[in-house]
All heavy atoms as atom14 arrays in JSON, in Angstrom:
{
  "sequence": "VRARPDVLEWQLALVDFQRHPQAPLFTDGAGFAPYAEANAPRLEYGAV",
  "atom14_mask": [
    [1, 1, 1, 1, 1, 1, 1, 0, 0, 0, 0, 0, 0, 0],
    [1, 1, 1, 1, 1, 1, 1, 1, 1, 1, 1, 0, 0, 0],
    [1, 1, 1, 1, 1, 0, 0, 0, 0, 0, 0, 0, 0, 0],
    [1, 1, 1, 1, 1, 1, 1, 1, 1, 1, 1, 0, 0, 0],
    [1, 1, 1, 1, 1, 1, 1, 0, 0, 0, 0, 0, 0, 0],
    [1, 1, 1, 1, 1, 1, 1, 1, 0, 0, 0, 0, 0, 0],
    [1, 1, 1, 1, 1, 1, 1, 0, 0, 0, 0, 0, 0, 0],
    [1, 1, 1, 1, 1, 1, 1, 1, 0, 0, 0, 0, 0, 0],
    [1, 1, 1, 1, 1, 1, 1, 1, 1, 0, 0, 0, 0, 0],
    [1, 1, 1, 1, 1, 1, 1, 1, 1, 1, 1, 1, 1, 1],
    [1, 1, 1, 1, 1, 1, 1, 1, 1, 0, 0, 0, 0, 0],
    [1, 1, 1, 1, 1, 1, 1, 1, 0, 0, 0, 0, 0, 0],
    [1, 1, 1, 1, 1, 0, 0, 0, 0, 0, 0, 0, 0, 0],
    [1, 1, 1, 1, 1, 1, 1, 1, 0, 0, 0, 0, 0, 0],
    [1, 1, 1, 1, 1, 1, 1, 0, 0, 0, 0, 0, 0, 0],
    [1, 1, 1, 1, 1, 1, 1, 1, 0, 0, 0, 0, 0, 0],
    [1, 1, 1, 1, 1, 1, 1, 1, 1, 1, 1, 0, 0, 0],
    [1, 1, 1, 1, 1, 1, 1, 1, 1, 0, 0, 0, 0, 0],
    [1, 1, 1, 1, 1, 1, 1, 1, 1, 1, 1, 0, 0, 0],
    [1, 1, 1, 1, 1, 1, 1, 1, 1, 1, 0, 0, 0, 0],
    [1, 1, 1, 1, 1, 1, 1, 0, 0, 0, 0, 0, 0, 0],
    [1, 1, 1, 1, 1, 1, 1, 1, 1, 0, 0, 0, 0, 0],
    [1, 1, 1, 1, 1, 0, 0, 0, 0, 0, 0, 0, 0, 0],
    [1, 1, 1, 1, 1, 1, 1, 0, 0, 0, 0, 0, 0, 0],
    [1, 1, 1, 1, 1, 1, 1, 1, 0, 0, 0, 0, 0, 0],
    [1, 1, 1, 1, 1, 1, 1, 1, 1, 1, 1, 0, 0, 0],
    [1, 1, 1, 1, 1, 1, 1, 0, 0, 0, 0, 0, 0, 0],
    [1, 1, 1, 1, 1, 1, 1, 1, 0, 0, 0, 0, 0, 0],
    [1, 1, 1, 1, 0, 0, 0, 0, 0, 0, 0, 0, 0, 0],
    [1, 1, 1, 1, 1, 0, 0, 0, 0, 0, 0, 0, 0, 0],
    [1, 1, 1, 1, 0, 0, 0, 0, 0, 0, 0, 0, 0, 0],
    [1, 1, 1, 1, 1, 1, 1, 1, 1, 1, 1, 0, 0, 0],
    [1, 1, 1, 1, 1, 0, 0, 0, 0, 0, 0, 0, 0, 0],
    [1, 1, 1, 1, 1, 1, 1, 0, 0, 0, 0, 0, 0, 0],
    [1, 1, 1, 1, 1, 1, 1, 1, 1, 1, 1, 1, 0, 0],
    [1, 1, 1, 1, 1, 0, 0, 0, 0, 0, 0, 0, 0, 0],
    [1, 1, 1, 1, 1, 1, 1, 1, 1, 0, 0, 0, 0, 0],
    [1, 1, 1, 1, 1, 0, 0, 0, 0, 0, 0, 0, 0, 0],
    [1, 1, 1, 1, 1, 1, 1, 1, 0, 0, 0, 0, 0, 0],
    [1, 1, 1, 1, 1, 0, 0, 0, 0, 0, 0, 0, 0, 0],
    [1, 1, 1, 1, 1, 1, 1, 0, 0, 0, 0, 0, 0, 0],
    [1, 1, 1, 1, 1, 1, 1, 1, 1, 1, 1, 0, 0, 0],
    [1, 1, 1, 1, 1, 1, 1, 1, 0, 0, 0, 0, 0, 0],
    [1, 1, 1, 1, 1, 1, 1, 1, 1, 0, 0, 0, 0, 0],
    [1, 1, 1, 1, 1, 1, 1, 1, 1, 1, 1, 1, 0, 0],
    [1, 1, 1, 1, 0, 0, 0, 0, 0, 0, 0, 0, 0, 0],
    [1, 1, 1, 1, 1, 0, 0, 0, 0, 0, 0, 0, 0, 0],
    [1, 1, 1, 1, 1, 1, 1, 0, 0, 0, 0, 0, 0, 0]
  ],
  "atom14_positions": [
    [[6.27, 11.39, -6.09], [5.11, 12.28, -6.17], [5.54, 13.74, -6.24], [5.01, 14.52, -7.02], [4.15, 12.04, -4.98], [2.91, 12.96, -5.09], [3.72, 10.57, -4.91], [0.0, 0.0, 0.0], [0.0, 0.0, 0.0], [0.0, 0.0, 0.0], [0.0, 0.0, 0.0], [0.0, 0.0, 0.0], [0.0, 0.0, 0.0], [0.0, 0.0, 0.0]],
    [[6.48, 14.08, -5.39], [6.95, 15.46, -5.38], [7.67, 15.86, -6.65], [7.56, 17.0, -7.12], [7.86, 15.74, -4.16], [7.11, 15.75, -2.8], [6.27, 17.0, -2.75], [5.58, 17.1, -1.43], [4.3, 16.89, -1.22], [3.52, 16.49, -2.27], [3.75, 17.03, -0.06], [0.0, 0.0, 0.0], [0.0, 0.0, 0.0], [0.0, 0.0, 0.0]],
    [[8.45, 14.93, -7.21], [9.2, 15.21, -8.41], [8.33, 15.38, -9.68], [8.5, 16.28, -10.47], [10.25, 14.14, -8.67], [0.0, 0.0, 0.0], [0.0, 0.0, 0.0], [0.0, 0.0, 0.0], [0.0, 0.0, 0.0], [0.0, 0.0, 0.0], [0.0, 0.0, 0.0], [0.0, 0.0, 0.0], [0.0, 0.0, 0.0], [0.0, 0.0, 0.0]],
    [[7.38, 14.4, -9.86], [6.57, 14.38, -11.02], [5.09, 14.09, -10.6], [4.61, 12.98, -10.77], [7.06, 13.34, -12.05], [8.33, 13.67, -12.75], [8.13, 14.79, -13.78], [7.09, 14.51, -14.75], [7.28, 13.83, -15.86], [8.51, 13.43, -16.21], [6.28, 13.58, -16.72], [0.0, 0.0, 0.0], [0.0, 0.0, 0.0], [0.0, 0.0, 0.0]],
    [[4.35, 15.09, -10.1], [3.0, 14.85, -9.68], [2.09, 14.47, -10.86], [1.0, 13.97, -10.62], [2.57, 16.18, -9.08], [3.55, 17.2, -9.58], [4.86, 16.42, -9.81], [0.0, 0.0, 0.0], [0.0, 0.0, 0.0], [0.0, 0.0, 0.0], [0.0, 0.0, 0.0], [0.0, 0.0, 0.0], [0.0, 0.0, 0.0], [0.0, 0.0, 0.0]],
    [[2.54, 14.72, -12.04], [1.76, 14.41, -13.21], [1.84, 12.94, -13.59], [1.03, 12.39, -14.35], [2.18, 15.21, -14.45], [3.64, 15.01, -14.75], [4.51, 15.08, -13.86], [3.93, 14.74, -15.97], [0.0, 0.0, 0.0], [0.0, 0.0, 0.0], [0.0, 0.0, 0.0], [0.0, 0.0, 0.0], [0.0, 0.0, 0.0], [0.0, 0.0, 0.0]],
    [[2.82, 12.17, -12.99], [2.99, 10.74, -13.31], [2.27, 9.98, -12.25], [2.72, 9.98, -11.01], [4.45, 10.35, -13.35], [4.65, 8.85, -13.65], [5.21, 11.14, -14.4], [0.0, 0.0, 0.0], [0.0, 0.0, 0.0], [0.0, 0.0, 0.0], [0.0, 0.0, 0.0], [0.0, 0.0, 0.0], [0.0, 0.0, 0.0], [0.0, 0.0, 0.0]],
    [[1.21, 9.29, -12.48], [0.28, 8.77, -11.53], [0.5, 7.28, -11.25], [-0.32, 6.62, -10.59], [-1.16, 8.99, -11.94], [-1.56, 10.44, -12.18], [-3.0, 10.57, -12.66], [-1.26, 11.35, -10.99], [0.0, 0.0, 0.0], [0.0, 0.0, 0.0], [0.0, 0.0, 0.0], [0.0, 0.0, 0.0], [0.0, 0.0, 0.0], [0.0, 0.0, 0.0]],
    [[1.59, 6.7, -11.69], [1.86, 5.3, -11.42], [1.84, 4.93, -9.99], [1.46, 3.83, -9.62], [3.2, 4.95, -12.12], [3.37, 3.44, -12.3], [4.27, 2.81, -11.24], [4.85, 3.52, -10.44], [4.45, 1.57, -11.3], [0.0, 0.0, 0.0], [0.0, 0.0, 0.0], [0.0, 0.0, 0.0], [0.0, 0.0, 0.0], [0.0, 0.0, 0.0]],
    [[2.27, 5.89, -9.12], [2.3, 5.57, -7.69], [0.96, 5.29, -7.11], [0.8, 4.57, -6.09], [2.95, 6.8, -6.95], [2.12, 8.06, -7.01], [2.13, 8.94, -8.03], [1.17, 8.55, -6.09], [1.26, 10.03, -7.78], [0.61, 9.76, -6.54], [0.72, 8.11, -4.83], [-0.29, 10.53, -5.86], [-0.24, 8.77, -4.14], [-0.74, 9.99, -4.65]],
    [[-0.09, 5.82, -7.73], [-1.49, 5.58, -7.24], [-1.94, 4.1, -7.31], [-2.85, 3.7, -6.65], [-2.42, 6.48, -7.9], [-2.21, 7.94, -7.66], [-3.34, 8.83, -8.25], [-4.33, 8.35, -8.78], [-3.1, 10.14, -8.2], [0.0, 0.0, 0.0], [0.0, 0.0, 0.0], [0.0, 0.0, 0.0], [0.0, 0.0, 0.0], [0.0, 0.0, 0.0]],
    [[-1.24, 3.31, -8.17], [-1.65, 1.92, -8.3], [-1.47, 1.18, -7.04], [-2.16, 0.16, -6.81], [-0.8, 1.26, -9.45], [-1.03, 1.81, -10.86], [-0.02, 1.21, -11.85], [-2.43, 1.59, -11.28], [0.0, 0.0, 0.0], [0.0, 0.0, 0.0], [0.0, 0.0, 0.0], [0.0, 0.0, 0.0], [0.0, 0.0, 0.0], [0.0, 0.0, 0.0]],
    [[-0.56, 1.59, -6.15], [-0.35, 0.93, -4.87], [-1.33, 1.33, -3.81], [-1.39, 0.65, -2.76], [1.09, 1.16, -4.41], [0.0, 0.0, 0.0], [0.0, 0.0, 0.0], [0.0, 0.0, 0.0], [0.0, 0.0, 0.0], [0.0, 0.0, 0.0], [0.0, 0.0, 0.0], [0.0, 0.0, 0.0], [0.0, 0.0, 0.0], [0.0, 0.0, 0.0]],
    [[-2.06, 2.42, -4.05], [-2.93, 2.9, -3.03], [-4.07, 1.91, -2.69], [-4.57, 1.85, -1.55], [-3.54, 4.23, -3.41], [-2.64, 5.49, -3.44], [-3.41, 6.72, -3.79], [-1.98, 5.61, -2.04], [0.0, 0.0, 0.0], [0.0, 0.0, 0.0], [0.0, 0.0, 0.0], [0.0, 0.0, 0.0], [0.0, 0.0, 0.0], [0.0, 0.0, 0.0]],
    [[-4.45, 1.14, -3.7], [-5.58, 0.19, -3.42], [-5.17, -0.81, -2.36], [-6.02, -1.21, -1.52], [-6.05, -0.47, -4.73], [-4.94, -1.35, -5.36], [-7.32, -1.31, -4.53], [0.0, 0.0, 0.0], [0.0, 0.0, 0.0], [0.0, 0.0, 0.0], [0.0, 0.0, 0.0], [0.0, 0.0, 0.0], [0.0, 0.0, 0.0], [0.0, 0.0, 0.0]],
    [[-3.92, -1.29, -2.4], [-3.45, -2.24, -1.34], [-3.45, -1.6, 0.02], [-3.74, -2.26, 1.02], [-2.04, -2.73, -1.69], [-2.02, -3.77, -2.74], [-3.07, -4.35, -2.99], [-0.96, -4.03, -3.33], [0.0, 0.0, 0.0], [0.0, 0.0, 0.0], [0.0, 0.0, 0.0], [0.0, 0.0, 0.0], [0.0, 0.0, 0.0], [0.0, 0.0, 0.0]],
    [[-3.13, -0.29, 0.09], [-3.08, 0.37, 1.36], [-4.48, 0.72, 1.87], [-4.77, 0.48, 3.03], [-2.22, 1.65, 1.26], [-2.04, 2.38, 2.51], [-1.22, 1.86, 3.51], [-2.64, 3.59, 2.77], [-1.01, 2.57, 4.69], [-2.5, 4.28, 3.92], [-1.65, 3.76, 4.91], [0.0, 0.0, 0.0], [0.0, 0.0, 0.0], [0.0, 0.0, 0.0]],
    [[-5.28, 1.26, 1.01], [-6.61, 1.78, 1.43], [-7.63, 0.68, 1.72], [-8.5, 0.83, 2.54], [-7.16, 2.69, 0.32], [-6.46, 4.02, 0.23], [-6.73, 4.87, 1.39], [-6.33, 4.65, 2.52], [-7.5, 6.01, 1.17], [0.0, 0.0, 0.0], [0.0, 0.0, 0.0], [0.0, 0.0, 0.0], [0.0, 0.0, 0.0], [0.0, 0.0, 0.0]],
    [[-7.4, -0.54, 1.11], [-8.33, -1.64, 1.4], [-8.02, -2.32, 2.76], [-8.79, -3.15, 3.19], [-8.36, -2.72, 0.33], [-7.07, -3.49, 0.2], [-7.34, -4.84, -0.48], [-8.01, -4.76, -1.69], [-7.45, -5.04, -2.93], [-6.17, -5.31, -3.0], [-8.2, -4.95, -4.03], [0.0, 0.0, 0.0], [0.0, 0.0, 0.0], [0.0, 0.0, 0.0]],
    [[-6.89, -1.89, 3.43], [-6.53, -2.55, 4.71], [-6.25, -1.44, 5.76], [-5.14, -1.25, 6.23], [-5.28, -3.39, 4.55], [-5.55, -4.58, 3.65], [-6.42, -5.6, 4.01], [-5.05, -4.88, 2.42], [-6.41, -6.49, 3.02], [-5.68, -6.09, 2.08], [0.0, 0.0, 0.0], [0.0, 0.0, 0.0], [0.0, 0.0, 0.0], [0.0, 0.0, 0.0]],
    [[-7.26, -0.66, 6.11], [-7.06, 0.44, 7.11], [-6.7, -0.1, 8.49], [-6.23, 0.59, 9.32], [-8.42, 1.16, 7.15], [-9.35, 0.18, 6.71], [-8.68, -0.66, 5.67], [0.0, 0.0, 0.0], [0.0, 0.0, 0.0], [0.0, 0.0, 0.0], [0.0, 0.0, 0.0], [0.0, 0.0, 0.0], [0.0, 0.0, 0.0], [0.0, 0.0, 0.0]],
    [[-6.95, -1.44, 8.71], [-6.63, -2.04, 10.02], [-5.18, -2.43, 10.07], [-4.71, -2.8, 11.19], [-7.46, -3.31, 10.21], [-7.04, -4.56, 9.45], [-7.49, -4.61, 7.99], [-7.77, -3.61, 7.4], [-7.61, -5.78, 7.43], [0.0, 0.0, 0.0], [0.0, 0.0, 0.0], [0.0, 0.0, 0.0], [0.0, 0.0, 0.0], [0.0, 0.0, 0.0]],
    [[-4.4, -2.34, 8.98], [-2.97, -2.69, 9.0], [-2.19, -1.64, 9.83], [-2.37, -0.48, 9.66], [-2.45, -2.75, 7.61], [0.0, 0.0, 0.0], [0.0, 0.0, 0.0], [0.0, 0.0, 0.0], [0.0, 0.0, 0.0], [0.0, 0.0, 0.0], [0.0, 0.0, 0.0], [0.0, 0.0, 0.0], [0.0, 0.0, 0.0], [0.0, 0.0, 0.0]],
    [[-1.37, -2.06, 10.75], [-0.52, -1.16, 11.45], [0.39, -0.33, 10.51], [0.79, -0.84, 9.46], [0.37, -2.02, 12.37], [-0.39, -3.36, 12.43], [-1.1, -3.53, 11.13], [0.0, 0.0, 0.0], [0.0, 0.0, 0.0], [0.0, 0.0, 0.0], [0.0, 0.0, 0.0], [0.0, 0.0, 0.0], [0.0, 0.0, 0.0], [0.0, 0.0, 0.0]],
    [[0.64, 0.91, 10.89], [1.37, 1.76, 9.96], [2.83, 1.36, 9.91], [3.6, 1.8, 9.0], [1.34, 3.24, 10.47], [0.0, 3.94, 10.22], [0.0, 5.28, 10.91], [-0.24, 4.09, 8.71], [0.0, 0.0, 0.0], [0.0, 0.0, 0.0], [0.0, 0.0, 0.0], [0.0, 0.0, 0.0], [0.0, 0.0, 0.0], [0.0, 0.0, 0.0]],
    [[3.28, 0.46, 10.79], [4.69, 0.08, 10.73], [4.92, -1.28, 9.98], [6.05, -1.8, 10.02], [5.28, -0.04, 12.13], [4.42, -0.84, 13.1], [4.45, -2.24, 13.05], [3.59, -0.2, 14.0], [3.63, -2.99, 13.95], [2.79, -0.96, 14.85], [2.84, -2.3, 14.8], [0.0, 0.0, 0.0], [0.0, 0.0, 0.0], [0.0, 0.0, 0.0]],
    [[3.86, -1.82, 9.43], [4.01, -3.1, 8.78], [4.21, -2.94, 7.28], [4.17, -1.8, 6.72], [2.79, -3.95, 9.08], [3.07, -5.36, 8.66], [1.61, -3.51, 8.22], [0.0, 0.0, 0.0], [0.0, 0.0, 0.0], [0.0, 0.0, 0.0], [0.0, 0.0, 0.0], [0.0, 0.0, 0.0], [0.0, 0.0, 0.0], [0.0, 0.0, 0.0]],
    [[4.48, -4.06, 6.57], [4.62, -4.05, 5.13], [3.79, -5.19, 4.52], [3.17, -5.96, 5.31], [6.1, -4.19, 4.72], [6.77, -5.48, 5.3], [6.37, -6.56, 4.77], [7.53, -5.38, 6.24], [0.0, 0.0, 0.0], [0.0, 0.0, 0.0], [0.0, 0.0, 0.0], [0.0, 0.0, 0.0], [0.0, 0.0, 0.0], [0.0, 0.0, 0.0]],
    [[3.73, -5.25, 3.22], [2.89, -6.26, 2.52], [3.19, -7.68, 2.96], [2.26, -8.49, 3.21], [0.0, 0.0, 0.0], [0.0, 0.0, 0.0], [0.0, 0.0, 0.0], [0.0, 0.0, 0.0], [0.0, 0.0, 0.0], [0.0, 0.0, 0.0], [0.0, 0.0, 0.0], [0.0, 0.0, 0.0], [0.0, 0.0, 0.0], [0.0, 0.0, 0.0]],
    [[4.48, -7.98, 2.99], [4.83, -9.38, 3.37], [4.47, -9.69, 4.84], [3.99, -10.77, 5.11], [6.32, -9.58, 3.13], [0.0, 0.0, 0.0], [0.0, 0.0, 0.0], [0.0, 0.0, 0.0], [0.0, 0.0, 0.0], [0.0, 0.0, 0.0], [0.0, 0.0, 0.0], [0.0, 0.0, 0.0], [0.0, 0.0, 0.0], [0.0, 0.0, 0.0]],
    [[4.7, -8.75, 5.73], [4.43, -9.0, 7.14], [2.93, -9.06, 7.44], [2.53, -9.77, 8.31], [0.0, 0.0, 0.0], [0.0, 0.0, 0.0], [0.0, 0.0, 0.0], [0.0, 0.0, 0.0], [0.0, 0.0, 0.0], [0.0, 0.0, 0.0], [0.0, 0.0, 0.0], [0.0, 0.0, 0.0], [0.0, 0.0, 0.0], [0.0, 0.0, 0.0]],
    [[2.16, -8.36, 6.61], [0.73, -8.27, 6.87], [-0.08, -9.38, 6.07], [-1.23, -9.62, 6.33], [0.18, -6.91, 6.47], [-1.23, -6.67, 6.9], [-1.66, -6.62, 8.22], [-2.21, -6.49, 5.93], [-2.94, -6.42, 8.6], [-3.55, -6.27, 6.27], [-3.91, -6.3, 7.63], [0.0, 0.0, 0.0], [0.0, 0.0, 0.0], [0.0, 0.0, 0.0]],
    [[0.55, -9.98, 5.1], [-0.14, -10.91, 4.21], [-0.91, -11.98, 4.94], [-2.05, -12.29, 4.53], [0.89, -11.56, 3.27], [0.0, 0.0, 0.0], [0.0, 0.0, 0.0], [0.0, 0.0, 0.0], [0.0, 0.0, 0.0], [0.0, 0.0, 0.0], [0.0, 0.0, 0.0], [0.0, 0.0, 0.0], [0.0, 0.0, 0.0], [0.0, 0.0, 0.0]],
    [[-0.43, -12.61, 6.0], [-1.23, -13.67, 6.65], [-2.53, -13.15, 7.27], [-3.44, -13.96, 7.54], [-0.32, -14.18, 7.75], [1.03, -13.83, 7.3], [0.91, -12.51, 6.61], [0.0, 0.0, 0.0], [0.0, 0.0, 0.0], [0.0, 0.0, 0.0], [0.0, 0.0, 0.0], [0.0, 0.0, 0.0], [0.0, 0.0, 0.0], [0.0, 0.0, 0.0]],
    [[-2.65, -11.85, 7.44], [-3.85, -11.35, 8.11], [-4.74, -10.54, 7.09], [-5.79, -10.09, 7.51], [-3.42, -10.32, 9.18], [-2.4, -10.92, 10.16], [-1.05, -10.6, 10.02], [-2.77, -11.81, 11.13], [-0.11, -11.17, 10.86], [-1.81, -12.39, 11.98], [-0.5, -12.06, 11.86], [0.47, -12.64, 12.67], [0.0, 0.0, 0.0], [0.0, 0.0, 0.0]],
    [[-4.32, -10.47, 5.83], [-5.09, -9.69, 4.87], [-6.17, -10.56, 4.23], [-5.94, -11.75, 3.99], [-4.17, -9.17, 3.8], [0.0, 0.0, 0.0], [0.0, 0.0, 0.0], [0.0, 0.0, 0.0], [0.0, 0.0, 0.0], [0.0, 0.0, 0.0], [0.0, 0.0, 0.0], [0.0, 0.0, 0.0], [0.0, 0.0, 0.0], [0.0, 0.0, 0.0]],
    [[-7.32, -9.95, 3.97], [-8.38, -10.72, 3.25], [-7.99, -10.92, 1.79], [-8.44, -11.89, 1.16], [-9.67, -9.85, 3.3], [-10.22, -9.74, 4.75], [-11.5, -8.85, 4.69], [-11.91, -8.44, 3.62], [-12.02, -8.65, 5.82], [0.0, 0.0, 0.0], [0.0, 0.0, 0.0], [0.0, 0.0, 0.0], [0.0, 0.0, 0.0], [0.0, 0.0, 0.0]],
    [[-7.16, -10.07, 1.24], [-6.68, -10.25, -0.07], [-5.19, -9.93, -0.05], [-4.68, -9.23, 0.87], [-7.42, -9.33, -1.1], [0.0, 0.0, 0.0], [0.0, 0.0, 0.0], [0.0, 0.0, 0.0], [0.0, 0.0, 0.0], [0.0, 0.0, 0.0], [0.0, 0.0, 0.0], [0.0, 0.0, 0.0], [0.0, 0.0, 0.0], [0.0, 0.0, 0.0]],
    [[-4.45, -10.38, -1.02], [-3.02, -10.11, -1.1], [-2.78, -8.62, -1.16], [-3.46, -7.88, -1.89], [-2.42, -10.81, -2.3], [-0.9, -10.84, -2.25], [-0.35, -10.69, -1.18], [-0.24, -11.07, -3.37], [0.0, 0.0, 0.0], [0.0, 0.0, 0.0], [0.0, 0.0, 0.0], [0.0, 0.0, 0.0], [0.0, 0.0, 0.0], [0.0, 0.0, 0.0]],
    [[-1.77, -8.17, -0.41], [-1.43, -6.74, -0.42], [0.02, -6.55, -0.66], [0.77, -6.07, 0.27], [-1.89, -6.08, 0.9], [0.0, 0.0, 0.0], [0.0, 0.0, 0.0], [0.0, 0.0, 0.0], [0.0, 0.0, 0.0], [0.0, 0.0, 0.0], [0.0, 0.0, 0.0], [0.0, 0.0, 0.0], [0.0, 0.0, 0.0], [0.0, 0.0, 0.0]],
    [[0.56, -6.92, -1.84], [2.02, -6.91, -2.03], [2.64, -5.53, -2.02], [3.88, -5.38, -1.84], [2.16, -7.59, -3.37], [0.88, -7.36, -4.1], [-0.2, -7.41, -2.98], [0.0, 0.0, 0.0], [0.0, 0.0, 0.0], [0.0, 0.0, 0.0], [0.0, 0.0, 0.0], [0.0, 0.0, 0.0], [0.0, 0.0, 0.0], [0.0, 0.0, 0.0]],
    [[1.81, -4.49, -2.3], [2.35, -3.13, -2.43], [1.89, -2.25, -1.29], [1.8, -1.04, -1.46], [2.01, -2.51, -3.75], [2.47, -3.43, -4.94], [2.37, -2.65, -6.24], [3.36, -1.59, -6.29], [3.43, -0.63, -7.24], [2.5, -0.63, -8.22], [4.31, 0.27, -7.24], [0.0, 0.0, 0.0], [0.0, 0.0, 0.0], [0.0, 0.0, 0.0]],
    [[1.54, -2.86, -0.13], [1.04, -2.1, 0.99], [2.01, -1.0, 1.38], [1.61, 0.15, 1.68], [0.82, -3.05, 2.21], [0.21, -2.45, 3.45], [-1.28, -2.14, 3.24], [0.42, -3.37, 4.62], [0.0, 0.0, 0.0], [0.0, 0.0, 0.0], [0.0, 0.0, 0.0], [0.0, 0.0, 0.0], [0.0, 0.0, 0.0], [0.0, 0.0, 0.0]],
    [[3.31, -1.3, 1.48], [4.27, -0.29, 1.91], [4.45, 0.84, 0.92], [4.83, 1.95, 1.34], [5.64, -0.99, 2.19], [6.26, -1.67, 1.05], [5.91, -3.16, 0.96], [4.76, -3.54, 1.49], [6.62, -3.98, 0.4], [0.0, 0.0, 0.0], [0.0, 0.0, 0.0], [0.0, 0.0, 0.0], [0.0, 0.0, 0.0], [0.0, 0.0, 0.0]],
    [[4.21, 0.57, -0.36], [4.32, 1.66, -1.37], [3.08, 2.53, -1.27], [3.17, 3.77, -1.36], [4.37, 1.07, -2.77], [5.68, 0.23, -2.99], [5.67, -1.12, -2.67], [6.81, 0.81, -3.49], [6.84, -1.9, -2.86], [7.95, 0.05, -3.71], [7.94, -1.27, -3.39], [9.1, -2.03, -3.55], [0.0, 0.0, 0.0], [0.0, 0.0, 0.0]],
    [[1.89, 1.95, -1.07], [0.68, 2.72, -0.87], [0.68, 3.53, 0.33], [-0.03, 4.56, 0.5], [0.0, 0.0, 0.0], [0.0, 0.0, 0.0], [0.0, 0.0, 0.0], [0.0, 0.0, 0.0], [0.0, 0.0, 0.0], [0.0, 0.0, 0.0], [0.0, 0.0, 0.0], [0.0, 0.0, 0.0], [0.0, 0.0, 0.0], [0.0, 0.0, 0.0]],
    [[1.57, 3.14, 1.33], [1.67, 3.91, 2.59], [2.29, 5.36, 2.34], [2.39, 6.09, 3.28], [2.51, 3.14, 3.6], [0.0, 0.0, 0.0], [0.0, 0.0, 0.0], [0.0, 0.0, 0.0], [0.0, 0.0, 0.0], [0.0, 0.0, 0.0], [0.0, 0.0, 0.0], [0.0, 0.0, 0.0], [0.0, 0.0, 0.0], [0.0, 0.0, 0.0]],
    [[2.62, 5.65, 1.11], [3.06, 6.99, 0.78], [2.0, 7.93, 1.18], [2.27, 9.16, 1.5], [3.33, 7.08, -0.75], [2.08, 6.89, -1.57], [3.9, 8.49, -1.05], [0.0, 0.0, 0.0], [0.0, 0.0, 0.0], [0.0, 0.0, 0.0], [0.0, 0.0, 0.0], [0.0, 0.0, 0.0], [0.0, 0.0, 0.0], [0.0, 0.0, 0.0]]
  ]
}
């Protein structure tokens, strides 16, 4: 994001992060998957 703010590919992972506000900040997609209503494979990337 800091290097190329004009390249928005990073935002694709935000949906996995934002749809799970109950997820602990120290977890990742694989660790949180059993508790997620939907798959969140990019949770840790959206945590940017």
